[in-house]
Amino acid sequence: MKLNKHTANCRIRRYLLIFTALSLLLLPLSLIYLVWNEQLQKINGFEAFNLQQQQQQQQQQQQLQPAAGQTFRYPVLLLNKNKNKELTVIATGKAKPNKWRYVDKDINQTHLPLIPDYAVQTLKPLEMQQLALRMESRLDRLKEKCTEHGLDVLGHDSWHTPNTWEFLVNKKYHIIWCNVFKAASSSWMFNFNILAGYTPNYLLHTKKILLNLARERYPRVTLDELREAQNDSITFIIARNPFERLLSAYRDKIVFALPYSFHDKLGRTIVRGYRKKPALIARAGNTKYPSFPEFVHWLLDQVKRGSFIDMHFVSATSFCTPCLIHFDMILKFESLAEDQLYLIEKTGLKRVIAPVWRNMGKGGRKTHELQHQFYSQLTRQEMLQLYDYYQYDFELFGYDIKEYLQFARADDTVGLAAMGV
């Protein structure tokens, strides 16, 4: 009897061991199956979503499909080969017949999502004429100031060496842009990504940086490649008041820096190096990011040392070298609503890109109010030193420092002595 009981217990233990072994074996297999099944459902759902999106786009294209034989007229630039100056654009209808012609292009040959007719914004003929004069006046000033300051002469520093680093060249649509950061750069980076083939829906929902997406399809060009592309393209730059642009960059990249990002670390470095300086103690804050005077002192020291200047803070003249690289249009941040409509009209892309504002200033504060709040923290001497670095941006693009000097606080003799003035 005892033997049978012992045998039964051994069998029970054996079964428990077998069950435990099978459970340990099946558990990871079950987890793998569950994960695989979830991913499969996501893939199927994503494919179904994509199919639905494609069907919707096809329906939209069919609605916009022109009647049989109907074509849309797009302007195409045809310039003299060796004349990159005196750009002739066909949309005015005033150029010589041998300089331009219209080319009929079927609407679907763009392979881009087209803006509905009701949403297309245009300028009246009189407005186009007025803007043409505005652009001509800006280019005349640029040429005059470049010569006055000797910036149109080649040299060995960053002011006298052509810089093609941040040019985006779209050969298909004959448009070239030098991307000045914090001068409507987010808006036009979106537009250039549209021209590169990305869909608006993708750009609005992607977590990828738009600049990185653009560089996948707009490789950097050499000076010779840029000049060759300029022969049949419109090259433009967007100018902004240098002090307004600097403050926008400070707030966006320093005050509102993403945690643990490059600019967040840079801000902490500035605080460690400048918070206890005699000239800044009275104006130091209790924040983890540097105060505006601390940031300005750091920037001025970078300039004095000849150190690398971040692309968001660097002078636009040094960044795009407009005195050494030809530009056909100068748009301005202050009149961008009209200026970019004029550019879009001239390039024939009004059905493809729209003048939409993106990445509006953070904090919801009015520009003038912000200028006064932050620049009133600087002394007149600090402001003039800052002007020395951005002087060419002020001069070339027609801006004035007088308004900002009215904000300046009285010079601090202790602070000036600490700065070596």
Protein backbone atom coordinates (compact mmCIF):
# COMPACT_ATOMS: atom_id res chain seq x y z
CA MET A 1 0.00 0.00 0.00
CA LYS A 2 2.84 2.34 0.88
CA LEU A 3 4.56 1.52 -2.40
CA ASN A 4 1.48 2.39 -4.44
CA LYS A 5 1.13 5.67 -2.58
CA HIS A 6 4.78 6.50 -3.20
CA THR A 7 4.41 5.63 -6.90
CA ALA A 8 1.37 7.89 -7.18
CA ASN A 9 3.26 10.80 -5.61
CA CYS A 10 6.16 10.31 -8.02
CA ARG A 11 3.79 10.39 -10.97
CA ILE A 12 2.15 13.57 -9.71
CA ARG A 13 5.55 15.26 -9.29
CA ARG A 14 6.56 14.06 -12.76
CA TYR A 15 3.40 15.50 -14.29
CA LEU A 16 3.93 18.80 -12.46
CA LEU A 17 7.50 19.00 -13.76
CA ILE A 18 6.35 18.25 -17.31
CA PHE A 19 3.59 20.86 -17.02
CA THR A 20 6.03 23.45 -15.66
CA ALA A 21 8.53 22.73 -18.44
CA LEU A 22 5.83 23.04 -21.11
CA SER A 23 4.59 26.32 -19.55
CA LEU A 24 8.07 27.80 -19.57
CA LEU A 25 8.48 26.78 -23.20
CA LEU A 26 5.09 27.99 -24.39
CA LEU A 27 5.12 31.33 -22.54
CA PRO A 28 7.78 33.06 -24.71
CA LEU A 29 6.23 31.52 -27.82
CA SER A 30 2.87 32.97 -26.79
CA LEU A 31 4.40 36.40 -26.24
CA ILE A 32 6.13 36.27 -29.62
CA TYR A 33 2.82 35.35 -31.26
CA LEU A 34 0.96 38.18 -29.54
CA VAL A 35 3.57 40.78 -30.55
CA TRP A 36 3.68 39.46 -34.11
CA ASN A 37 -0.10 39.49 -34.35
CA GLU A 38 -0.27 43.07 -33.06
CA GLN A 39 2.34 44.24 -35.56
CA LEU A 40 0.51 42.42 -38.35
CA GLN A 41 -2.71 44.20 -37.44
CA LYS A 42 -0.90 47.55 -37.41
CA ILE A 43 0.60 46.84 -40.82
CA ASN A 44 -2.77 45.80 -42.22
CA GLY A 45 -4.39 48.86 -40.72
CA PHE A 46 -1.63 51.12 -42.09
CA GLU A 47 -1.98 49.59 -45.56
CA ALA A 48 -5.76 50.01 -45.40
CA PHE A 49 -5.28 53.64 -44.34
CA ASN A 50 -2.83 54.24 -47.18
CA LEU A 51 -5.22 52.63 -49.66
CA GLN A 52 -8.01 54.88 -48.43
CA GLN A 53 -5.75 57.93 -48.73
CA GLN A 54 -4.75 56.95 -52.27
CA GLN A 55 -8.38 56.50 -53.27
CA GLN A 56 -9.25 59.92 -51.87
CA GLN A 57 -6.34 61.51 -53.74
CA GLN A 58 -7.39 59.80 -56.97
CA GLN A 59 -10.92 61.13 -56.53
CA GLN A 60 -9.57 64.63 -55.98
CA GLN A 61 -7.35 64.36 -59.04
CA GLN A 62 -10.33 63.20 -61.13
CA GLN A 63 -12.33 66.19 -59.97
CA LEU A 64 -9.47 68.49 -60.99
CA GLN A 65 -8.81 66.62 -64.26
CA PRO A 66 -9.25 69.04 -67.18
CA ALA A 67 -11.57 68.29 -70.02
CA ALA A 68 -10.21 66.49 -73.08
CA GLY A 69 -7.70 68.61 -74.91
CA GLN A 70 -7.60 71.26 -72.17
CA THR A 71 -4.17 72.29 -70.88
CA PHE A 72 -2.89 74.78 -68.34
CA ARG A 73 -0.25 77.33 -69.14
CA TYR A 74 2.80 77.47 -66.90
CA PRO A 75 5.53 80.09 -67.33
CA VAL A 76 8.95 78.76 -68.23
CA LEU A 77 12.05 80.96 -67.97
CA LEU A 78 14.24 81.14 -71.04
CA LEU A 79 17.15 83.49 -70.39
CA ASN A 80 20.19 84.33 -72.44
CA LYS A 81 22.89 81.81 -71.54
CA ASN A 82 25.54 84.23 -70.31
CA LYS A 83 23.25 86.72 -68.60
CA ASN A 84 22.44 85.83 -65.06
CA LYS A 85 21.67 89.43 -64.19
CA GLU A 86 18.61 91.35 -65.43
CA LEU A 87 16.34 88.39 -64.92
CA THR A 88 13.46 88.36 -67.40
CA VAL A 89 10.26 86.81 -66.09
CA ILE A 90 7.47 86.03 -68.46
CA ALA A 91 4.51 86.72 -66.19
CA THR A 92 4.79 90.48 -66.72
CA GLY A 93 4.24 90.18 -70.45
CA LYS A 94 6.66 93.04 -70.99
CA ALA A 95 9.81 91.16 -71.87
CA LYS A 96 11.15 90.90 -75.39
CA PRO A 97 9.62 88.02 -77.39
CA ASN A 98 12.99 86.35 -77.93
CA LYS A 99 13.60 86.18 -74.18
CA TRP A 100 10.62 84.01 -73.22
CA ARG A 101 7.74 81.85 -74.31
CA TYR A 102 4.84 79.93 -72.75
CA VAL A 103 4.87 76.16 -72.63
CA ASP A 104 1.62 74.23 -72.36
CA LYS A 105 1.88 71.71 -69.56
CA ASP A 106 -0.81 69.23 -68.65
CA ILE A 107 -2.05 69.73 -65.10
CA ASN A 108 -1.11 66.22 -63.97
CA GLN A 109 2.47 66.46 -65.14
CA THR A 110 3.39 68.22 -61.91
CA HIS A 111 2.80 65.00 -59.94
CA LEU A 112 2.02 67.23 -56.96
CA PRO A 113 -1.19 67.79 -55.00
CA LEU A 114 -2.73 70.90 -56.51
CA ILE A 115 -4.41 73.73 -54.61
CA PRO A 116 -8.09 74.10 -55.57
CA ASP A 117 -8.92 77.12 -57.71
CA TYR A 118 -11.00 78.73 -54.98
CA ALA A 119 -8.01 78.70 -52.60
CA VAL A 120 -5.45 80.16 -55.01
CA GLN A 121 -4.36 83.66 -54.01
CA THR A 122 -3.34 86.13 -56.71
CA LEU A 123 -2.30 89.75 -57.03
CA LYS A 124 -3.88 92.34 -59.30
CA PRO A 125 -1.85 93.60 -62.27
CA LEU A 126 -1.29 96.97 -60.58
CA GLU A 127 -0.08 95.23 -57.42
CA MET A 128 2.32 93.11 -59.50
CA GLN A 129 3.77 96.27 -61.06
CA GLN A 130 4.19 97.93 -57.66
CA LEU A 131 5.91 94.85 -56.25
CA ALA A 132 8.19 94.64 -59.27
CA LEU A 133 9.36 98.18 -58.49
CA ARG A 134 9.78 97.24 -54.83
CA MET A 135 11.99 94.28 -55.73
CA GLU A 136 14.03 96.39 -58.13
CA SER A 137 14.59 99.03 -55.43
CA ARG A 138 15.77 96.41 -52.93
CA LEU A 139 18.21 94.90 -55.42
CA ASP A 140 19.55 98.36 -56.31
CA ARG A 141 20.17 99.08 -52.63
CA LEU A 142 21.86 95.71 -52.17
CA LYS A 143 24.23 96.36 -55.07
CA GLU A 144 25.01 99.89 -53.85
CA LYS A 145 25.75 98.83 -50.25
CA CYS A 146 27.78 95.80 -51.32
CA THR A 147 30.08 98.11 -53.31
CA GLU A 148 30.14 100.73 -50.55
CA HIS A 149 31.36 98.20 -47.96
CA GLY A 150 33.60 96.26 -50.33
CA LEU A 151 31.60 93.07 -49.84
CA ASP A 152 31.48 92.31 -53.57
CA VAL A 153 35.23 91.65 -53.58
CA LEU A 154 36.54 88.13 -52.99
CA GLY A 155 38.62 87.57 -49.86
CA HIS A 156 39.58 84.97 -47.29
CA ASP A 157 37.08 85.63 -44.48
CA SER A 158 33.43 84.58 -44.23
CA TRP A 159 32.21 87.98 -45.46
CA HIS A 160 34.14 87.76 -48.72
CA THR A 161 33.89 84.04 -49.55
CA PRO A 162 30.79 82.74 -51.41
CA ASN A 163 28.84 80.40 -49.13
CA THR A 164 26.51 77.89 -50.80
CA TRP A 165 25.97 75.77 -47.68
CA GLU A 166 22.31 76.56 -47.06
CA PHE A 167 21.01 76.99 -50.62
CA LEU A 168 18.17 74.72 -51.71
CA VAL A 169 18.15 74.26 -55.48
CA ASN A 170 15.02 72.93 -57.17
CA LYS A 171 15.95 72.41 -60.80
CA LYS A 172 12.57 70.97 -61.78
CA TYR A 173 10.61 74.06 -60.82
CA HIS A 174 13.44 76.57 -61.38
CA ILE A 175 13.47 78.08 -57.91
CA ILE A 176 16.44 78.54 -55.53
CA TRP A 177 16.33 79.71 -51.91
CA CYS A 178 18.98 80.61 -49.38
CA ASN A 179 17.46 79.52 -46.09
CA VAL A 180 18.00 82.21 -43.46
CA PHE A 181 16.89 80.64 -40.20
CA LYS A 182 14.23 82.55 -38.24
CA ALA A 183 13.14 84.45 -41.37
CA ALA A 184 10.03 82.48 -42.40
CA SER A 185 12.28 79.44 -42.74
CA SER A 186 9.71 76.94 -41.42
CA SER A 187 7.10 78.12 -43.93
CA TRP A 188 9.37 77.90 -46.93
CA MET A 189 11.02 74.67 -45.80
CA PHE A 190 7.51 73.21 -45.91
CA ASN A 191 7.01 74.60 -49.43
CA PHE A 192 10.32 73.26 -50.70
CA ASN A 193 9.50 69.84 -49.27
CA ILE A 194 6.20 69.94 -51.17
CA LEU A 195 8.14 70.71 -54.36
CA ALA A 196 10.47 67.81 -53.52
CA GLY A 197 7.54 65.38 -53.62
CA TYR A 198 6.51 65.00 -49.98
CA THR A 199 2.75 65.14 -49.43
CA PRO A 200 1.29 67.89 -47.18
CA ASN A 201 -0.35 65.23 -44.99
CA TYR A 202 2.99 63.52 -44.41
CA LEU A 203 4.77 66.78 -43.59
CA LEU A 204 2.07 67.80 -41.12
CA HIS A 205 2.23 64.52 -39.19
CA THR A 206 5.83 63.40 -39.43
CA LYS A 207 8.12 63.66 -36.41
CA LYS A 208 11.14 64.08 -38.63
CA ILE A 209 12.83 67.48 -38.90
CA LEU A 210 11.78 69.23 -42.12
CA LEU A 211 15.34 70.40 -42.80
CA ASN A 212 16.59 66.81 -42.68
CA LEU A 213 13.82 65.69 -45.02
CA ALA A 214 14.71 68.48 -47.43
CA ARG A 215 18.40 67.58 -47.46
CA GLU A 216 17.52 64.02 -48.50
CA ARG A 217 16.25 65.48 -51.79
CA TYR A 218 18.21 68.74 -52.03
CA PRO A 219 21.91 67.86 -51.82
CA ARG A 220 24.30 70.69 -51.08
CA VAL A 221 25.76 72.29 -54.19
CA THR A 222 29.11 73.73 -55.16
CA LEU A 223 29.42 77.33 -56.33
CA ASP A 224 29.69 76.23 -59.97
CA GLU A 225 26.62 74.00 -59.65
CA LEU A 226 24.67 76.83 -58.06
CA ARG A 227 25.57 79.33 -60.78
CA GLU A 228 24.67 76.85 -63.50
CA ALA A 229 21.26 76.25 -61.91
CA GLN A 230 20.70 80.03 -61.60
CA ASN A 231 20.73 80.46 -65.37
CA ASP A 232 17.11 79.37 -65.67
CA SER A 233 15.87 79.84 -62.09
CA ILE A 234 14.69 82.53 -59.70
CA THR A 235 16.99 82.86 -56.68
CA PHE A 236 15.54 84.54 -53.59
CA ILE A 237 16.29 85.32 -49.96
CA ILE A 238 14.00 86.42 -47.12
CA ALA A 239 15.41 89.26 -45.03
CA ARG A 240 14.36 90.18 -41.50
CA ASN A 241 15.34 92.91 -39.08
CA PRO A 242 18.54 91.47 -37.53
CA PHE A 243 17.64 92.34 -33.92
CA GLU A 244 14.10 90.99 -34.33
CA ARG A 245 15.49 87.79 -35.88
CA LEU A 246 18.05 87.41 -33.07
CA LEU A 247 15.40 87.78 -30.37
CA SER A 248 13.18 85.25 -32.13
CA ALA A 249 16.09 82.79 -32.25
CA TYR A 250 16.93 83.40 -28.56
CA ARG A 251 13.37 82.72 -27.44
CA ASP A 252 12.86 79.73 -29.72
CA LYS A 253 16.21 78.01 -29.25
CA ILE A 254 17.29 79.12 -25.76
CA VAL A 255 14.23 80.05 -23.69
CA PHE A 256 11.99 77.33 -25.14
CA ALA A 257 14.75 74.82 -25.88
CA LEU A 258 13.70 71.18 -25.84
CA PRO A 259 15.01 69.38 -22.73
CA TYR A 260 18.42 67.76 -23.26
CA SER A 261 18.68 69.17 -26.79
CA PHE A 262 21.83 70.85 -28.13
CA HIS A 263 20.47 74.32 -27.41
CA ASP A 264 19.30 73.33 -23.93
CA LYS A 265 22.87 72.23 -23.12
CA LEU A 266 24.22 75.41 -24.74
CA GLY A 267 21.96 77.53 -22.52
CA ARG A 268 23.20 75.78 -19.39
CA THR A 269 26.79 76.32 -20.51
CA ILE A 270 26.13 80.05 -20.93
CA VAL A 271 24.58 80.24 -17.45
CA ARG A 272 27.62 78.59 -15.87
CA GLY A 273 30.00 80.95 -17.65
CA TYR A 274 28.19 84.29 -17.40
CA ARG A 275 25.73 84.35 -14.50
CA LYS A 276 28.27 85.58 -11.93
CA LYS A 277 30.04 88.14 -14.15
CA PRO A 278 30.09 91.64 -12.59
CA ALA A 279 28.50 93.27 -15.62
CA LEU A 280 25.56 90.86 -15.51
CA ILE A 281 24.84 90.08 -11.84
CA ALA A 282 22.24 92.84 -11.51
CA ARG A 283 20.42 91.55 -14.60
CA ALA A 284 20.73 87.82 -13.93
CA GLY A 285 17.56 85.83 -13.48
CA ASN A 286 16.75 82.71 -11.50
CA THR A 287 15.99 80.68 -14.59
CA LYS A 288 17.87 77.63 -15.86
CA TYR A 289 18.29 79.34 -19.23
CA PRO A 290 20.45 82.46 -19.70
CA SER A 291 18.95 85.92 -19.48
CA PHE A 292 18.98 87.97 -22.68
CA PRO A 293 22.01 90.07 -21.54
CA GLU A 294 23.89 86.87 -20.66
CA PHE A 295 23.11 85.43 -24.07
CA VAL A 296 24.20 88.64 -25.83
CA HIS A 297 27.51 88.72 -23.92
CA TRP A 298 28.17 85.11 -24.88
CA LEU A 299 27.39 85.87 -28.55
CA LEU A 300 29.68 88.94 -28.57
CA ASP A 301 32.48 86.86 -27.07
CA GLN A 302 31.98 84.25 -29.80
CA VAL A 303 32.34 86.98 -32.41
CA LYS A 304 35.47 88.44 -30.76
CA ARG A 305 37.14 85.03 -30.64
CA GLY A 306 36.22 84.26 -34.24
CA SER A 307 34.38 81.16 -33.02
CA PHE A 308 31.68 79.30 -34.90
CA ILE A 309 28.31 81.09 -34.77
CA ASP A 310 25.19 78.94 -34.64
CA MET A 311 23.17 79.08 -37.88
CA HIS A 312 20.18 80.56 -36.01
CA PHE A 313 22.24 83.51 -34.71
CA VAL A 314 24.72 84.07 -37.54
CA SER A 315 24.57 87.18 -39.72
CA ALA A 316 22.49 86.63 -42.88
CA THR A 317 25.14 88.47 -44.91
CA SER A 318 27.80 86.00 -43.81
CA PHE A 319 25.44 83.05 -44.19
CA CYS A 320 24.16 83.70 -47.73
CA THR A 321 26.83 86.15 -49.05
CA PRO A 322 24.35 88.13 -51.22
CA CYS A 323 27.13 90.40 -52.45
CA LEU A 324 28.96 87.48 -54.05
CA ILE A 325 26.02 85.31 -55.16
CA HIS A 326 23.37 86.74 -57.45
CA PHE A 327 19.81 87.08 -56.14
CA ASP A 328 16.77 87.86 -58.27
CA MET A 329 14.41 88.72 -55.43
CA ILE A 330 14.69 89.96 -51.85
CA LEU A 331 11.58 89.19 -49.84
CA LYS A 332 11.15 90.82 -46.44
CA PHE A 333 9.62 89.31 -43.33
CA GLU A 334 7.68 92.52 -42.67
CA SER A 335 5.94 92.48 -46.07
CA LEU A 336 6.04 88.74 -46.63
CA ALA A 337 2.31 88.36 -47.30
CA GLU A 338 2.63 90.37 -50.52
CA ASP A 339 6.22 89.49 -51.37
CA GLN A 340 5.75 85.73 -51.40
CA LEU A 341 2.58 86.02 -53.47
CA TYR A 342 4.65 87.92 -56.02
CA LEU A 343 7.34 85.21 -55.98
CA ILE A 344 4.81 82.40 -56.32
CA GLU A 345 3.14 84.21 -59.21
CA LYS A 346 6.46 84.70 -60.98
CA THR A 347 7.49 81.06 -60.61
CA GLY A 348 4.13 79.79 -61.86
CA LEU A 349 3.61 77.68 -58.74
CA LYS A 350 0.42 79.23 -57.38
CA ARG A 351 -1.45 75.92 -57.81
CA VAL A 352 1.25 74.03 -55.89
CA ILE A 353 2.48 76.14 -52.95
CA ALA A 354 0.62 78.66 -50.84
CA PRO A 355 1.76 81.56 -48.64
CA VAL A 356 1.02 79.89 -45.31
CA TRP A 357 2.63 80.98 -42.03
CA ARG A 358 4.11 78.22 -39.90
CA ASN A 359 5.95 78.13 -36.56
CA MET A 360 4.53 81.43 -35.34
CA GLY A 361 6.32 82.98 -32.38
CA LYS A 362 5.96 81.20 -29.04
CA GLY A 363 4.23 82.81 -26.13
CA GLY A 364 1.59 84.75 -28.07
CA ARG A 365 3.25 88.13 -27.49
CA LYS A 366 3.26 91.00 -29.97
CA THR A 367 6.57 91.68 -31.69
CA HIS A 368 6.95 95.32 -30.60
CA GLU A 369 6.14 94.44 -26.99
CA LEU A 370 8.76 91.70 -27.01
CA GLN A 371 11.39 93.96 -28.57
CA HIS A 372 10.91 96.52 -25.82
CA GLN A 373 10.88 93.93 -23.02
CA PHE A 374 14.16 92.27 -24.01
CA TYR A 375 16.22 95.02 -25.64
CA SER A 376 15.50 97.39 -22.75
CA GLN A 377 17.66 94.98 -20.69
CA LEU A 378 20.72 95.94 -22.77
CA THR A 379 22.85 99.03 -22.32
CA ARG A 380 23.47 101.34 -25.25
CA GLN A 381 27.06 100.13 -25.45
CA GLU A 382 26.02 96.48 -25.57
CA MET A 383 23.50 97.26 -28.26
CA LEU A 384 26.08 99.09 -30.40
CA GLN A 385 28.50 96.20 -30.05
CA LEU A 386 25.74 93.86 -31.20
CA TYR A 387 25.06 96.23 -34.10
CA ASP A 388 28.71 96.06 -35.15
CA TYR A 389 28.29 92.36 -35.90
CA TYR A 390 24.93 92.71 -37.70
CA GLN A 391 25.77 96.01 -39.40
CA TYR A 392 25.82 94.58 -42.91
CA ASP A 393 22.39 92.98 -42.41
CA PHE A 394 21.04 96.38 -41.37
CA GLU A 395 22.73 98.21 -44.25
CA LEU A 396 22.19 95.78 -47.13
CA PHE A 397 18.52 95.13 -46.46
CA GLY A 398 17.46 98.60 -45.33
CA TYR A 399 16.93 98.33 -41.57
CA ASP A 400 17.60 100.91 -38.82
CA ILE A 401 18.88 100.60 -35.25
CA LYS A 402 17.46 103.93 -34.01
CA GLU A 403 14.25 102.42 -32.63
CA TYR A 404 16.23 99.93 -30.55
CA LEU A 405 18.58 102.57 -29.16
CA GLN A 406 15.52 104.25 -27.65
CA PHE A 407 14.93 101.07 -25.61
CA ALA A 408 18.51 100.90 -24.27
CA ARG A 409 19.26 101.46 -20.58
CA ALA A 410 21.91 103.86 -19.42
CA ASP A 411 25.45 102.53 -19.69
CA ASP A 412 26.73 100.96 -16.51
CA THR A 413 30.27 102.23 -15.86
CA VAL A 414 31.10 99.15 -13.76
CA GLY A 415 29.78 96.86 -16.48
CA LEU A 416 31.67 98.73 -19.20
CA ALA A 417 34.90 98.43 -17.25
CA ALA A 418 34.33 94.69 -16.88
CA MET A 419 33.85 94.45 -20.64
CA GLY A 420 37.09 96.31 -21.25
CA VAL A 421 35.43 99.41 -22.71
